Amino acid sequence: LLQNTAEGTLAKDDYRTVQLLGLILELLSFCVEHHTFHIRTCIINKDLLRCILVLMKSSHTFLVLCALRFMRKIIALKDDFYNRYIIKGNLFAPVIDAFIRNNGRYNLLDSAILEMFEFIKLEDIKTLMSHVVENYGKVLDEVDYVQTFKGLRIRYNQHQDK
């Protein structure tokens, strides 16, 4: 994983490598769920989430979804260390890029990305919500076929008014 994403680009995108990376992500996802403390230090120290999000550039949709699922599991923990790590590393950028590249097509990738932002809104994760709206608000405001980002901005504005 680290070797294949070292340059910030995907070194190999053949089917066999992608299958192997998918299995590695499944194992890492399991570790995030069941060994939270130990895997957290590893992910943050090795900047592992950034390497995983490089996989969002893959031409294989199932690998893109695996990378997104991994990030979603991290966000679901609502851990302040992870949230600060995501914000400091600007790690929503690859997700937003994949969303824009998807170009509003109604498919699993689009739904998964929208669900992640909906989760951030519904669970009221203020730090991530603020980061998304402040850094990607202009881009996301143009998305009008769903109410997710409008709702995110409304919730953000409510917190600003308090």
N, C-alpha and C. Protein backbone atom coordinates (compact mmCIF):
# COMPACT_ATOMS: atom_id res chain seq x y z
N LEU A 1 0.83 -1.19 0.00
CA LEU A 1 0.00 0.00 0.00
C LEU A 1 0.87 1.26 0.00
N LEU A 2 1.80 1.32 0.94
CA LEU A 2 2.67 2.50 1.02
C LEU A 2 3.54 2.64 -0.23
N GLN A 3 4.01 1.53 -0.73
CA GLN A 3 4.88 1.54 -1.90
C GLN A 3 4.09 1.95 -3.15
N ASN A 4 2.87 1.53 -3.26
CA ASN A 4 2.06 1.81 -4.44
C ASN A 4 1.52 3.24 -4.48
N THR A 5 1.51 3.91 -3.33
CA THR A 5 0.96 5.27 -3.25
C THR A 5 2.00 6.29 -2.79
N ALA A 6 3.27 5.94 -2.84
CA ALA A 6 4.32 6.77 -2.26
C ALA A 6 4.44 8.14 -2.92
N GLU A 7 4.27 8.24 -4.20
CA GLU A 7 4.47 9.50 -4.92
C GLU A 7 3.23 10.39 -4.93
N GLY A 8 2.18 9.97 -4.26
CA GLY A 8 0.93 10.72 -4.30
C GLY A 8 0.09 10.34 -5.51
N THR A 9 0.58 9.39 -6.28
CA THR A 9 -0.17 8.85 -7.41
C THR A 9 -0.17 7.33 -7.29
N LEU A 10 -1.04 6.71 -8.01
CA LEU A 10 -1.16 5.26 -8.00
C LEU A 10 -0.11 4.67 -8.93
N ALA A 11 0.85 3.91 -8.38
CA ALA A 11 1.93 3.35 -9.19
C ALA A 11 1.42 2.25 -10.12
N LYS A 12 0.63 1.33 -9.59
CA LYS A 12 0.08 0.23 -10.39
C LYS A 12 -1.43 0.20 -10.20
N ASP A 13 -2.14 0.10 -11.31
CA ASP A 13 -3.60 0.09 -11.24
C ASP A 13 -4.17 -1.13 -11.97
N ASP A 14 -3.36 -2.21 -12.03
CA ASP A 14 -3.84 -3.42 -12.67
C ASP A 14 -4.77 -4.17 -11.72
N TYR A 15 -5.55 -5.06 -12.28
CA TYR A 15 -6.61 -5.73 -11.51
C TYR A 15 -6.07 -6.51 -10.31
N ARG A 16 -4.97 -7.20 -10.50
CA ARG A 16 -4.41 -8.02 -9.40
C ARG A 16 -3.96 -7.15 -8.23
N THR A 17 -3.27 -6.07 -8.53
CA THR A 17 -2.81 -5.15 -7.48
C THR A 17 -4.00 -4.51 -6.78
N VAL A 18 -5.00 -4.12 -7.55
CA VAL A 18 -6.18 -3.49 -6.99
C VAL A 18 -6.93 -4.44 -6.06
N GLN A 19 -7.02 -5.71 -6.45
CA GLN A 19 -7.66 -6.72 -5.59
C GLN A 19 -6.90 -6.84 -4.26
N LEU A 20 -5.59 -6.88 -4.33
CA LEU A 20 -4.76 -6.99 -3.14
C LEU A 20 -4.93 -5.75 -2.24
N LEU A 21 -4.94 -4.58 -2.84
CA LEU A 21 -5.14 -3.36 -2.07
C LEU A 21 -6.51 -3.33 -1.40
N GLY A 22 -7.51 -3.85 -2.10
CA GLY A 22 -8.85 -3.94 -1.51
C GLY A 22 -8.87 -4.81 -0.27
N LEU A 23 -8.16 -5.94 -0.32
CA LEU A 23 -8.08 -6.82 0.84
C LEU A 23 -7.32 -6.17 1.99
N ILE A 24 -6.26 -5.45 1.67
CA ILE A 24 -5.50 -4.73 2.70
C ILE A 24 -6.39 -3.70 3.38
N LEU A 25 -7.19 -3.00 2.60
CA LEU A 25 -8.09 -1.99 3.17
C LEU A 25 -9.15 -2.63 4.06
N GLU A 26 -9.63 -3.81 3.67
CA GLU A 26 -10.59 -4.52 4.53
C GLU A 26 -9.96 -4.87 5.87
N LEU A 27 -8.73 -5.32 5.85
CA LEU A 27 -8.02 -5.66 7.08
C LEU A 27 -7.79 -4.42 7.94
N LEU A 28 -7.38 -3.32 7.31
CA LEU A 28 -7.17 -2.08 8.05
C LEU A 28 -8.49 -1.56 8.63
N SER A 29 -9.58 -1.71 7.89
CA SER A 29 -10.89 -1.29 8.38
C SER A 29 -11.28 -2.09 9.63
N PHE A 30 -11.00 -3.38 9.61
CA PHE A 30 -11.26 -4.21 10.77
C PHE A 30 -10.45 -3.70 11.97
N CYS A 31 -9.19 -3.36 11.73
CA CYS A 31 -8.34 -2.86 12.81
C CYS A 31 -8.85 -1.54 13.37
N VAL A 32 -9.35 -0.67 12.50
CA VAL A 32 -9.89 0.61 12.96
C VAL A 32 -11.09 0.37 13.87
N GLU A 33 -11.91 -0.60 13.54
CA GLU A 33 -13.09 -0.89 14.35
C GLU A 33 -12.76 -1.55 15.68
N HIS A 34 -11.80 -2.49 15.65
CA HIS A 34 -11.59 -3.36 16.82
C HIS A 34 -10.31 -3.09 17.61
N HIS A 35 -9.38 -2.35 17.06
CA HIS A 35 -8.12 -2.05 17.76
C HIS A 35 -7.85 -0.55 17.67
N THR A 36 -8.80 0.23 18.12
CA THR A 36 -8.80 1.67 17.85
C THR A 36 -7.53 2.39 18.31
N PHE A 37 -7.06 2.14 19.51
CA PHE A 37 -5.92 2.90 20.02
C PHE A 37 -4.64 2.59 19.25
N HIS A 38 -4.34 1.32 19.06
CA HIS A 38 -3.07 0.93 18.43
C HIS A 38 -3.03 1.34 16.95
N ILE A 39 -4.13 1.16 16.25
CA ILE A 39 -4.14 1.49 14.82
C ILE A 39 -4.13 3.01 14.63
N ARG A 40 -4.70 3.75 15.58
CA ARG A 40 -4.73 5.21 15.46
C ARG A 40 -3.32 5.78 15.40
N THR A 41 -2.45 5.32 16.30
CA THR A 41 -1.08 5.83 16.28
C THR A 41 -0.37 5.46 14.97
N CYS A 42 -0.64 4.28 14.47
CA CYS A 42 -0.04 3.85 13.21
C CYS A 42 -0.54 4.70 12.04
N ILE A 43 -1.83 4.93 11.98
CA ILE A 43 -2.42 5.71 10.88
C ILE A 43 -1.89 7.14 10.89
N ILE A 44 -1.84 7.74 12.06
CA ILE A 44 -1.41 9.14 12.15
C ILE A 44 0.09 9.26 11.93
N ASN A 45 0.89 8.39 12.54
CA ASN A 45 2.35 8.49 12.40
C ASN A 45 2.84 8.20 10.99
N LYS A 46 2.21 7.27 10.30
CA LYS A 46 2.63 6.91 8.95
C LYS A 46 1.84 7.66 7.87
N ASP A 47 0.95 8.56 8.28
CA ASP A 47 0.10 9.31 7.36
C ASP A 47 -0.62 8.35 6.41
N LEU A 48 -1.14 7.29 7.00
CA LEU A 48 -1.73 6.19 6.24
C LEU A 48 -3.02 6.58 5.51
N LEU A 49 -3.83 7.42 6.13
CA LEU A 49 -5.09 7.81 5.48
C LEU A 49 -4.81 8.57 4.18
N ARG A 50 -3.79 9.41 4.17
CA ARG A 50 -3.44 10.14 2.95
C ARG A 50 -3.06 9.15 1.84
N CYS A 51 -2.28 8.14 2.19
CA CYS A 51 -1.89 7.12 1.20
C CYS A 51 -3.11 6.36 0.70
N ILE A 52 -4.03 6.06 1.60
CA ILE A 52 -5.23 5.33 1.21
C ILE A 52 -6.10 6.18 0.30
N LEU A 53 -6.19 7.47 0.59
CA LEU A 53 -7.04 8.34 -0.23
C LEU A 53 -6.45 8.59 -1.62
N VAL A 54 -5.18 8.29 -1.82
CA VAL A 54 -4.60 8.32 -3.17
C VAL A 54 -5.32 7.30 -4.04
N LEU A 55 -5.81 6.24 -3.43
CA LEU A 55 -6.52 5.19 -4.16
C LEU A 55 -7.84 5.69 -4.75
N MET A 56 -8.30 6.86 -4.32
CA MET A 56 -9.52 7.45 -4.88
C MET A 56 -9.33 7.82 -6.35
N LYS A 57 -8.09 7.85 -6.81
CA LYS A 57 -7.80 8.18 -8.20
C LYS A 57 -7.83 6.95 -9.11
N SER A 58 -8.07 5.79 -8.53
CA SER A 58 -8.06 4.54 -9.30
C SER A 58 -9.20 4.52 -10.32
N SER A 59 -8.96 3.80 -11.39
CA SER A 59 -10.01 3.62 -12.40
C SER A 59 -10.97 2.50 -11.99
N HIS A 60 -10.62 1.77 -10.94
CA HIS A 60 -11.46 0.68 -10.44
C HIS A 60 -12.36 1.21 -9.32
N THR A 61 -13.65 1.28 -9.61
CA THR A 61 -14.59 1.88 -8.67
C THR A 61 -14.62 1.16 -7.33
N PHE A 62 -14.47 -0.16 -7.34
CA PHE A 62 -14.54 -0.87 -6.05
C PHE A 62 -13.39 -0.49 -5.13
N LEU A 63 -12.22 -0.16 -5.69
CA LEU A 63 -11.10 0.29 -4.86
C LEU A 63 -11.36 1.69 -4.33
N VAL A 64 -11.93 2.54 -5.14
CA VAL A 64 -12.31 3.89 -4.70
C VAL A 64 -13.31 3.77 -3.54
N LEU A 65 -14.25 2.87 -3.67
CA LEU A 65 -15.24 2.66 -2.61
C LEU A 65 -14.61 2.09 -1.35
N CYS A 66 -13.61 1.22 -1.50
CA CYS A 66 -12.90 0.69 -0.32
C CYS A 66 -12.19 1.81 0.43
N ALA A 67 -11.53 2.70 -0.31
CA ALA A 67 -10.84 3.83 0.32
C ALA A 67 -11.84 4.74 1.03
N LEU A 68 -12.96 4.99 0.38
CA LEU A 68 -14.00 5.83 0.98
C LEU A 68 -14.59 5.17 2.22
N ARG A 69 -14.80 3.85 2.16
CA ARG A 69 -15.34 3.11 3.30
C ARG A 69 -14.38 3.20 4.50
N PHE A 70 -13.08 3.15 4.22
CA PHE A 70 -12.09 3.26 5.29
C PHE A 70 -12.19 4.63 5.97
N MET A 71 -12.26 5.68 5.15
CA MET A 71 -12.37 7.03 5.73
C MET A 71 -13.69 7.17 6.51
N ARG A 72 -14.74 6.59 5.99
CA ARG A 72 -16.05 6.66 6.65
C ARG A 72 -16.00 5.98 8.02
N LYS A 73 -15.27 4.86 8.11
CA LYS A 73 -15.15 4.17 9.41
C LYS A 73 -14.38 5.03 10.40
N ILE A 74 -13.38 5.73 9.92
CA ILE A 74 -12.62 6.63 10.80
C ILE A 74 -13.51 7.77 11.28
N ILE A 75 -14.27 8.35 10.38
CA ILE A 75 -15.17 9.45 10.75
C ILE A 75 -16.23 8.97 11.73
N ALA A 76 -16.71 7.74 11.55
CA ALA A 76 -17.75 7.19 12.42
C ALA A 76 -17.29 7.06 13.87
N LEU A 77 -15.99 6.98 14.09
CA LEU A 77 -15.48 6.89 15.46
C LEU A 77 -15.66 8.20 16.23
N LYS A 78 -15.80 9.30 15.50
CA LYS A 78 -15.94 10.63 16.10
C LYS A 78 -14.80 10.92 17.08
N ASP A 79 -13.62 10.54 16.69
CA ASP A 79 -12.42 10.69 17.51
C ASP A 79 -11.76 12.04 17.17
N ASP A 80 -11.50 12.85 18.19
CA ASP A 80 -10.92 14.17 17.95
C ASP A 80 -9.53 14.10 17.32
N PHE A 81 -8.75 13.09 17.67
CA PHE A 81 -7.42 12.94 17.06
C PHE A 81 -7.54 12.74 15.55
N TYR A 82 -8.43 11.84 15.16
CA TYR A 82 -8.65 11.60 13.73
C TYR A 82 -9.20 12.84 13.04
N ASN A 83 -10.14 13.51 13.68
CA ASN A 83 -10.74 14.69 13.07
C ASN A 83 -9.70 15.79 12.84
N ARG A 84 -8.84 16.01 13.83
CA ARG A 84 -7.77 17.00 13.65
C ARG A 84 -6.80 16.57 12.56
N TYR A 85 -6.51 15.29 12.49
CA TYR A 85 -5.62 14.74 11.47
C TYR A 85 -6.21 14.95 10.07
N ILE A 86 -7.49 14.71 9.93
CA ILE A 86 -8.17 14.89 8.64
C ILE A 86 -8.15 16.37 8.23
N ILE A 87 -8.42 17.24 9.18
CA ILE A 87 -8.46 18.68 8.89
C ILE A 87 -7.06 19.20 8.59
N LYS A 88 -6.10 18.85 9.43
CA LYS A 88 -4.73 19.34 9.24
C LYS A 88 -4.14 18.88 7.91
N GLY A 89 -4.46 17.66 7.50
CA GLY A 89 -3.94 17.12 6.25
C GLY A 89 -4.79 17.43 5.04
N ASN A 90 -5.89 18.16 5.24
CA ASN A 90 -6.82 18.50 4.16
C ASN A 90 -7.24 17.23 3.41
N LEU A 91 -7.63 16.22 4.14
CA LEU A 91 -7.88 14.90 3.57
C LEU A 91 -9.27 14.73 2.95
N PHE A 92 -10.07 15.78 2.98
CA PHE A 92 -11.32 15.72 2.24
C PHE A 92 -11.11 16.03 0.76
N ALA A 93 -9.98 16.61 0.42
CA ALA A 93 -9.71 17.00 -0.98
C ALA A 93 -9.85 15.83 -1.96
N PRO A 94 -9.25 14.66 -1.70
CA PRO A 94 -9.43 13.55 -2.66
C PRO A 94 -10.88 13.08 -2.78
N VAL A 95 -11.63 13.18 -1.69
CA VAL A 95 -13.03 12.77 -1.71
C VAL A 95 -13.85 13.75 -2.56
N ILE A 96 -13.62 15.03 -2.36
CA ILE A 96 -14.32 16.06 -3.14
C ILE A 96 -13.93 15.94 -4.61
N ASP A 97 -12.64 15.69 -4.89
CA ASP A 97 -12.19 15.52 -6.27
C ASP A 97 -12.89 14.34 -6.93
N ALA A 98 -13.01 13.23 -6.22
CA ALA A 98 -13.69 12.05 -6.76
C ALA A 98 -15.17 12.36 -7.00
N PHE A 99 -15.77 13.11 -6.09
CA PHE A 99 -17.17 13.48 -6.23
C PHE A 99 -17.38 14.34 -7.47
N ILE A 100 -16.48 15.28 -7.69
CA ILE A 100 -16.57 16.16 -8.86
C ILE A 100 -16.30 15.38 -10.14
N ARG A 101 -15.31 14.48 -10.11
CA ARG A 101 -15.01 13.64 -11.28
C ARG A 101 -16.18 12.75 -11.64
N ASN A 102 -16.92 12.33 -10.64
CA ASN A 102 -18.09 11.47 -10.86
C ASN A 102 -19.19 12.22 -11.61
N ASN A 103 -19.17 13.54 -11.52
CA ASN A 103 -20.01 14.42 -12.33
C ASN A 103 -21.51 14.19 -12.13
N GLY A 104 -21.91 13.95 -10.91
CA GLY A 104 -23.33 13.85 -10.61
C GLY A 104 -24.03 12.60 -11.12
N ARG A 105 -23.24 11.62 -11.57
CA ARG A 105 -23.87 10.37 -12.01
C ARG A 105 -24.49 9.68 -10.80
N TYR A 106 -25.65 9.15 -10.99
CA TYR A 106 -26.36 8.47 -9.90
C TYR A 106 -25.84 7.04 -9.82
N ASN A 107 -24.83 6.83 -8.96
CA ASN A 107 -24.25 5.50 -8.80
C ASN A 107 -23.83 5.29 -7.35
N LEU A 108 -23.21 4.15 -7.08
CA LEU A 108 -22.84 3.80 -5.72
C LEU A 108 -21.81 4.77 -5.14
N LEU A 109 -20.85 5.20 -5.94
CA LEU A 109 -19.83 6.14 -5.47
C LEU A 109 -20.48 7.45 -5.04
N ASP A 110 -21.35 7.98 -5.86
CA ASP A 110 -22.05 9.22 -5.54
C ASP A 110 -22.83 9.07 -4.23
N SER A 111 -23.56 7.98 -4.11
CA SER A 111 -24.37 7.74 -2.91
C SER A 111 -23.50 7.58 -1.66
N ALA A 112 -22.37 6.90 -1.79
CA ALA A 112 -21.49 6.69 -0.64
C ALA A 112 -20.87 8.01 -0.16
N ILE A 113 -20.47 8.84 -1.09
CA ILE A 113 -19.89 10.13 -0.71
C ILE A 113 -20.96 11.01 -0.05
N LEU A 114 -22.14 11.04 -0.65
CA LEU A 114 -23.23 11.83 -0.06
C LEU A 114 -23.60 11.32 1.33
N GLU A 115 -23.59 10.00 1.51
CA GLU A 115 -23.91 9.42 2.82
C GLU A 115 -22.89 9.84 3.86
N MET A 116 -21.62 9.90 3.48
CA MET A 116 -20.58 10.31 4.43
C MET A 116 -20.82 11.75 4.90
N PHE A 117 -21.14 12.64 3.97
CA PHE A 117 -21.41 14.03 4.36
C PHE A 117 -22.72 14.15 5.14
N GLU A 118 -23.69 13.33 4.80
CA GLU A 118 -24.95 13.30 5.55
C GLU A 118 -24.68 12.84 6.99
N PHE A 119 -23.81 11.85 7.16
CA PHE A 119 -23.44 11.37 8.49
C PHE A 119 -22.80 12.48 9.31
N ILE A 120 -21.89 13.23 8.68
CA ILE A 120 -21.23 14.34 9.38
C ILE A 120 -22.26 15.36 9.84
N LYS A 121 -23.24 15.62 8.99
CA LYS A 121 -24.30 16.58 9.34
C LYS A 121 -25.19 16.04 10.45
N LEU A 122 -25.67 14.81 10.31
CA LEU A 122 -26.61 14.25 11.27
C LEU A 122 -25.98 14.01 12.64
N GLU A 123 -24.72 13.59 12.65
CA GLU A 123 -24.03 13.34 13.91
C GLU A 123 -23.44 14.62 14.49
N ASP A 124 -23.58 15.72 13.75
CA ASP A 124 -23.17 17.04 14.21
C ASP A 124 -21.69 17.09 14.60
N ILE A 125 -20.84 16.60 13.72
CA ILE A 125 -19.39 16.64 13.95
C ILE A 125 -18.91 18.02 13.50
N LYS A 126 -18.90 18.95 14.45
CA LYS A 126 -18.72 20.37 14.16
C LYS A 126 -17.39 20.68 13.47
N THR A 127 -16.31 20.05 13.92
CA THR A 127 -15.00 20.38 13.35
C THR A 127 -14.92 20.00 11.87
N LEU A 128 -15.41 18.81 11.54
CA LEU A 128 -15.39 18.38 10.14
C LEU A 128 -16.37 19.18 9.30
N MET A 129 -17.53 19.48 9.87
CA MET A 129 -18.53 20.26 9.16
C MET A 129 -17.98 21.64 8.82
N SER A 130 -17.35 22.29 9.78
CA SER A 130 -16.77 23.61 9.55
C SER A 130 -15.69 23.55 8.48
N HIS A 131 -14.84 22.55 8.56
CA HIS A 131 -13.75 22.41 7.59
C HIS A 131 -14.31 22.24 6.18
N VAL A 132 -15.30 21.39 6.02
CA VAL A 132 -15.87 21.13 4.69
C VAL A 132 -16.53 22.39 4.13
N VAL A 133 -17.34 23.04 4.93
CA VAL A 133 -18.06 24.22 4.45
C VAL A 133 -17.10 25.37 4.15
N GLU A 134 -16.12 25.58 5.02
CA GLU A 134 -15.20 26.69 4.82
C GLU A 134 -14.26 26.48 3.64
N ASN A 135 -13.84 25.24 3.40
CA ASN A 135 -12.85 24.99 2.35
C ASN A 135 -13.45 24.55 1.02
N TYR A 136 -14.61 23.92 1.05
CA TYR A 136 -15.19 23.38 -0.18
C TYR A 136 -16.61 23.89 -0.42
N GLY A 137 -17.03 24.86 0.36
CA GLY A 137 -18.40 25.36 0.27
C GLY A 137 -18.78 25.86 -1.11
N LYS A 138 -17.89 26.61 -1.75
CA LYS A 138 -18.20 27.17 -3.07
C LYS A 138 -18.43 26.07 -4.10
N VAL A 139 -17.61 25.03 -4.05
CA VAL A 139 -17.74 23.92 -4.99
C VAL A 139 -19.01 23.13 -4.70
N LEU A 140 -19.26 22.86 -3.43
CA LEU A 140 -20.39 22.02 -3.05
C LEU A 140 -21.73 22.74 -3.15
N ASP A 141 -21.72 24.08 -3.08
CA ASP A 141 -22.97 24.83 -3.23
C ASP A 141 -23.55 24.69 -4.63
N GLU A 142 -22.70 24.36 -5.59
CA GLU A 142 -23.16 24.19 -6.97
C GLU A 142 -23.91 22.88 -7.18
N VAL A 143 -23.77 21.96 -6.23
CA VAL A 143 -24.48 20.67 -6.31
C VAL A 143 -25.91 20.90 -5.85
N ASP A 144 -26.83 20.80 -6.80
CA ASP A 144 -28.21 21.11 -6.45
C ASP A 144 -29.18 19.95 -6.64
N TYR A 145 -28.68 18.79 -7.03
CA TYR A 145 -29.59 17.66 -7.24
C TYR A 145 -29.87 16.90 -5.95
N VAL A 146 -29.17 17.25 -4.86
CA VAL A 146 -29.47 16.71 -3.53
C VAL A 146 -29.40 17.85 -2.53
N GLN A 147 -30.00 17.66 -1.38
CA GLN A 147 -30.05 18.70 -0.35
C GLN A 147 -28.95 18.55 0.70
N THR A 148 -28.08 17.56 0.54
CA THR A 148 -27.07 17.25 1.55
C THR A 148 -26.20 18.46 1.87
N PHE A 149 -25.66 19.11 0.86
CA PHE A 149 -24.72 20.20 1.10
C PHE A 149 -25.41 21.48 1.53
N LYS A 150 -26.64 21.67 1.09
CA LYS A 150 -27.41 22.81 1.58
C LYS A 150 -27.69 22.62 3.07
N GLY A 151 -28.05 21.38 3.45
CA GLY A 151 -28.28 21.07 4.85
C GLY A 151 -27.03 21.22 5.69
N LEU A 152 -25.89 20.84 5.12
CA LEU A 152 -24.61 20.99 5.81
C LEU A 152 -24.31 22.47 6.06
N ARG A 153 -24.56 23.30 5.05
CA ARG A 153 -24.33 24.74 5.19
C ARG A 153 -25.29 25.35 6.20
N ILE A 154 -26.54 24.92 6.20
CA ILE A 154 -27.53 25.44 7.16
C ILE A 154 -27.09 25.09 8.58
N ARG A 155 -26.68 23.83 8.80
CA ARG A 155 -26.22 23.41 10.13
C ARG A 155 -24.98 24.20 10.55
N TYR A 156 -24.06 24.42 9.59
CA TYR A 156 -22.86 25.22 9.85
C TYR A 156 -23.24 26.63 10.27
N ASN A 157 -24.18 27.24 9.55
CA ASN A 157 -24.61 28.61 9.87
C ASN A 157 -25.29 28.67 11.24
N GLN A 158 -26.03 27.63 11.59
CA GLN A 158 -26.66 27.59 12.91
C GLN A 158 -25.61 27.60 14.01
N HIS A 159 -24.52 26.86 13.80
CA HIS A 159 -23.45 26.84 14.80
C HIS A 159 -22.72 28.17 14.87
N GLN A 160 -22.62 28.85 13.74
CA GLN A 160 -21.96 30.15 13.72
C GLN A 160 -22.78 31.21 14.44
N ASP A 161 -24.11 31.06 14.38
CA ASP A 161 -25.01 32.03 15.02
C ASP A 161 -25.01 31.91 16.54
N LYS A 162 -24.63 30.73 17.06
CA LYS A 162 -24.67 30.52 18.52
C LYS A 162 -23.57 31.26 19.22
